[in-house]
């Protein structure tokens, strides 16, 4: 049975499969993350779909590269190189779960893979929504101490949610066109 098994064929098919299924993972993973990991209904979640999709496709290209490396040659150095490439791919996939913005009645929490930032509503002086017509805008939360937190708008009900929270907290909400 093992005489009929071709490692080169296996690794080449694995590389092709990774490239083919990467757009599907890039499309469905953000939806699944929002529905499974971030299910707190008291918070508004902003999930940067474009950046996450790019990272997922990049990770699957790394997996395909590791398979192609093993397709090319199989010795100790290529196995070690493939393991390192696969680990980098898994770190990239993990980073997609660590990129989001959560907004609730207490604070605004921005988390990226490397850093996180938060601002409590009690420290916010005004909320400014700047936009370009027919394009997405950005929210600028100005703190009483001069600190600013800038969040890009998302195609969902985030705008009305932020407006309602600002109105409930008696914080001025200013909407203007970007110049």
Protein backbone atom coordinates (compact mmCIF):
# COMPACT_ATOMS: atom_id res chain seq x y z
CA UNK A 1 0.00 0.00 0.00
CA UNK A 2 2.79 2.44 0.85
CA UNK A 3 4.43 1.77 -2.50
CA UNK A 4 1.45 3.43 -4.20
CA UNK A 5 1.64 6.46 -1.89
CA UNK A 6 3.48 9.42 -3.36
CA UNK A 7 4.51 12.10 -0.85
CA UNK A 8 5.09 14.58 -3.67
CA UNK A 9 1.53 14.10 -4.88
CA UNK A 10 0.18 14.41 -1.33
CA UNK A 11 2.06 17.65 -0.59
CA UNK A 12 1.22 19.19 -3.97
CA UNK A 13 -2.48 18.40 -3.51
CA UNK A 14 -2.35 19.81 0.02
CA UNK A 15 -0.86 23.05 -1.32
CA UNK A 16 -3.51 23.32 -4.03
CA UNK A 17 -6.27 22.59 -1.52
CA UNK A 18 -4.97 25.31 0.82
CA UNK A 19 -5.02 27.88 -1.96
CA UNK A 20 -8.52 26.85 -3.07
CA UNK A 21 -10.16 26.82 0.37
CA UNK A 22 -8.50 29.98 1.71
CA UNK A 23 -11.17 32.35 0.29
CA UNK A 24 -13.90 30.25 1.90
CA UNK A 25 -12.19 30.43 5.28
CA UNK A 26 -11.61 34.15 4.79
CA UNK A 27 -15.31 34.61 4.11
CA UNK A 28 -16.80 32.43 6.85
CA UNK A 29 -14.32 32.74 9.72
CA UNK A 30 -15.22 36.34 10.69
CA UNK A 31 -18.91 35.42 10.71
CA UNK A 32 -18.25 32.36 12.87
CA UNK A 33 -16.04 34.36 15.25
CA UNK A 34 -18.74 36.94 15.79
CA UNK A 35 -21.40 34.28 16.33
CA UNK A 36 -19.32 32.09 18.66
CA UNK A 37 -16.58 33.95 20.50
CA UNK A 38 -18.11 37.42 20.69
CA UNK A 39 -21.68 36.75 21.71
CA UNK A 40 -22.13 39.25 24.55
CA UNK A 41 -25.35 41.03 23.53
CA UNK A 42 -24.63 44.00 25.79
CA UNK A 43 -21.70 45.00 23.55
CA UNK A 44 -21.39 46.25 20.01
CA UNK A 45 -18.57 44.50 18.18
CA UNK A 46 -16.72 45.95 15.22
CA UNK A 47 -14.74 43.33 13.39
CA UNK A 48 -12.43 44.54 10.55
CA UNK A 49 -13.45 42.07 7.88
CA UNK A 50 -10.97 43.18 5.19
CA UNK A 51 -7.90 42.96 7.41
CA UNK A 52 -8.98 39.62 8.88
CA UNK A 53 -9.68 38.14 5.44
CA UNK A 54 -6.23 39.24 4.26
CA UNK A 55 -4.56 37.63 7.31
CA UNK A 56 -6.48 34.38 6.81
CA UNK A 57 -5.53 34.17 3.13
CA UNK A 58 -1.92 34.97 4.06
CA UNK A 59 -1.92 32.13 6.64
CA UNK A 60 -3.27 29.65 4.10
CA UNK A 61 -0.64 30.75 1.59
CA UNK A 62 1.95 30.03 4.29
CA UNK A 63 0.44 26.56 4.76
CA UNK A 64 0.62 26.02 0.99
CA UNK A 65 4.25 27.20 0.99
CA UNK A 66 5.09 24.70 3.74
CA UNK A 67 3.49 21.93 1.67
CA UNK A 68 5.36 23.02 -1.43
CA UNK A 69 8.62 23.05 0.53
CA UNK A 70 8.00 19.42 1.48
CA UNK A 71 6.97 18.68 -2.11
CA UNK A 72 10.31 20.02 -3.30
CA UNK A 73 12.57 18.16 -0.86
CA UNK A 74 12.12 16.16 2.31
CA UNK A 75 15.05 16.30 4.71
CA UNK A 76 15.62 17.61 8.23
CA UNK A 77 16.07 21.25 7.21
CA UNK A 78 12.91 21.34 5.07
CA UNK A 79 10.88 19.65 7.81
CA UNK A 80 12.11 22.23 10.33
CA UNK A 81 11.43 25.04 7.86
CA UNK A 82 7.94 23.71 7.17
CA UNK A 83 7.17 23.43 10.87
CA UNK A 84 8.30 27.02 11.40
CA UNK A 85 6.19 28.24 8.47
CA UNK A 86 3.13 26.34 9.74
CA UNK A 87 3.60 27.78 13.24
CA UNK A 88 3.76 31.29 11.78
CA UNK A 89 0.54 30.51 9.90
CA UNK A 90 -1.19 29.38 13.10
CA UNK A 91 -0.04 32.54 14.89
CA UNK A 92 -1.50 34.56 12.01
CA UNK A 93 -4.80 32.68 12.30
CA UNK A 94 -4.85 33.21 16.07
CA UNK A 95 -4.25 36.93 15.56
CA UNK A 96 -7.56 37.18 13.69
CA UNK A 97 -9.38 36.40 16.94
CA UNK A 98 -7.54 39.25 18.64
CA UNK A 99 -8.55 42.08 16.31
CA UNK A 100 -11.83 43.73 17.27
CA UNK A 101 -13.48 46.73 18.89
CA UNK A 102 -16.04 46.27 21.66
CA UNK A 103 -18.36 49.09 22.69
CA UNK A 104 -20.67 48.87 25.69
CA UNK A 105 -22.23 51.29 28.17
CA UNK A 106 -19.08 51.41 30.31
CA UNK A 107 -16.19 51.71 27.87
CA UNK A 108 -14.86 51.46 24.34
CA UNK A 109 -12.26 48.73 24.01
CA UNK A 110 -10.02 48.42 20.94
CA UNK A 111 -7.92 45.27 20.71
CA UNK A 112 -5.35 44.52 18.08
CA UNK A 113 -3.00 41.59 18.22
CA UNK A 114 -0.15 43.72 19.53
CA UNK A 115 -1.84 46.46 21.54
CA UNK A 116 -5.10 47.30 23.21
CA UNK A 117 -6.64 50.64 24.09
CA UNK A 118 -9.74 51.62 25.98
CA UNK A 119 -11.63 54.73 26.94
CA UNK A 120 -14.42 54.93 29.47
CA UNK A 121 -17.57 56.81 28.55
CA UNK A 122 -17.21 58.91 31.71
CA UNK A 123 -13.96 60.34 30.31
CA UNK A 124 -15.35 61.17 26.85
CA UNK A 125 -16.04 64.83 26.13
CA UNK A 126 -17.60 64.44 22.67
CA UNK A 127 -18.15 61.94 19.89
CA UNK A 128 -17.37 63.15 16.39
CA UNK A 129 -18.44 61.22 13.32
CA UNK A 130 -16.60 62.35 10.18
CA UNK A 131 -17.52 60.89 6.83
CA UNK A 132 -17.05 61.30 3.12
CA UNK A 133 -20.31 61.01 1.14
CA UNK A 134 -20.85 57.52 -0.29
CA UNK A 135 -18.02 56.10 1.82
CA UNK A 136 -17.47 54.87 5.35
CA UNK A 137 -16.46 57.39 7.97
CA UNK A 138 -14.70 57.26 11.29
CA UNK A 139 -15.67 57.92 14.87
CA UNK A 140 -13.42 60.17 16.91
CA UNK A 141 -13.92 59.91 20.65
CA UNK A 142 -12.36 62.95 22.29
CA UNK A 143 -11.49 62.56 25.94
CA UNK A 144 -11.60 65.24 28.60
CA UNK A 145 -7.83 64.90 28.99
CA UNK A 146 -7.17 65.47 25.26
CA UNK A 147 -6.82 61.79 24.40
CA UNK A 148 -8.47 60.63 21.17
CA UNK A 149 -9.67 57.23 20.11
CA UNK A 150 -10.37 56.81 16.40
CA UNK A 151 -12.50 53.93 15.14
CA UNK A 152 -13.39 53.29 11.51
CA UNK A 153 -17.08 52.94 10.73
CA UNK A 154 -18.42 49.50 9.98
CA UNK A 155 -21.30 48.55 7.67
CA UNK A 156 -23.77 47.69 10.39
CA UNK A 157 -25.85 49.24 13.14
CA UNK A 158 -22.75 50.51 14.94
CA UNK A 159 -23.48 54.15 14.10
CA UNK A 160 -26.92 54.10 15.70
CA UNK A 161 -25.59 52.15 18.69
CA UNK A 162 -22.84 54.69 19.36
CA UNK A 163 -25.31 57.54 18.88
CA UNK A 164 -27.75 55.98 21.37
CA UNK A 165 -25.05 55.39 23.99
CA UNK A 166 -23.74 58.94 23.59
CA UNK A 167 -27.28 60.31 23.90
CA UNK A 168 -27.93 58.23 27.03
CA UNK A 169 -24.68 59.46 28.58
CA UNK A 170 -25.42 63.13 27.61
CA UNK A 171 -22.28 63.32 25.48
CA UNK A 172 -22.43 65.61 22.42
CA UNK A 173 -22.58 63.63 19.18
CA UNK A 174 -21.42 65.67 16.19
CA UNK A 175 -21.79 64.38 12.65
CA UNK A 176 -20.01 66.23 9.85
CA UNK A 177 -18.67 65.76 6.39
CA UNK A 178 -14.91 65.42 6.07
CA UNK A 179 -13.23 68.29 4.30
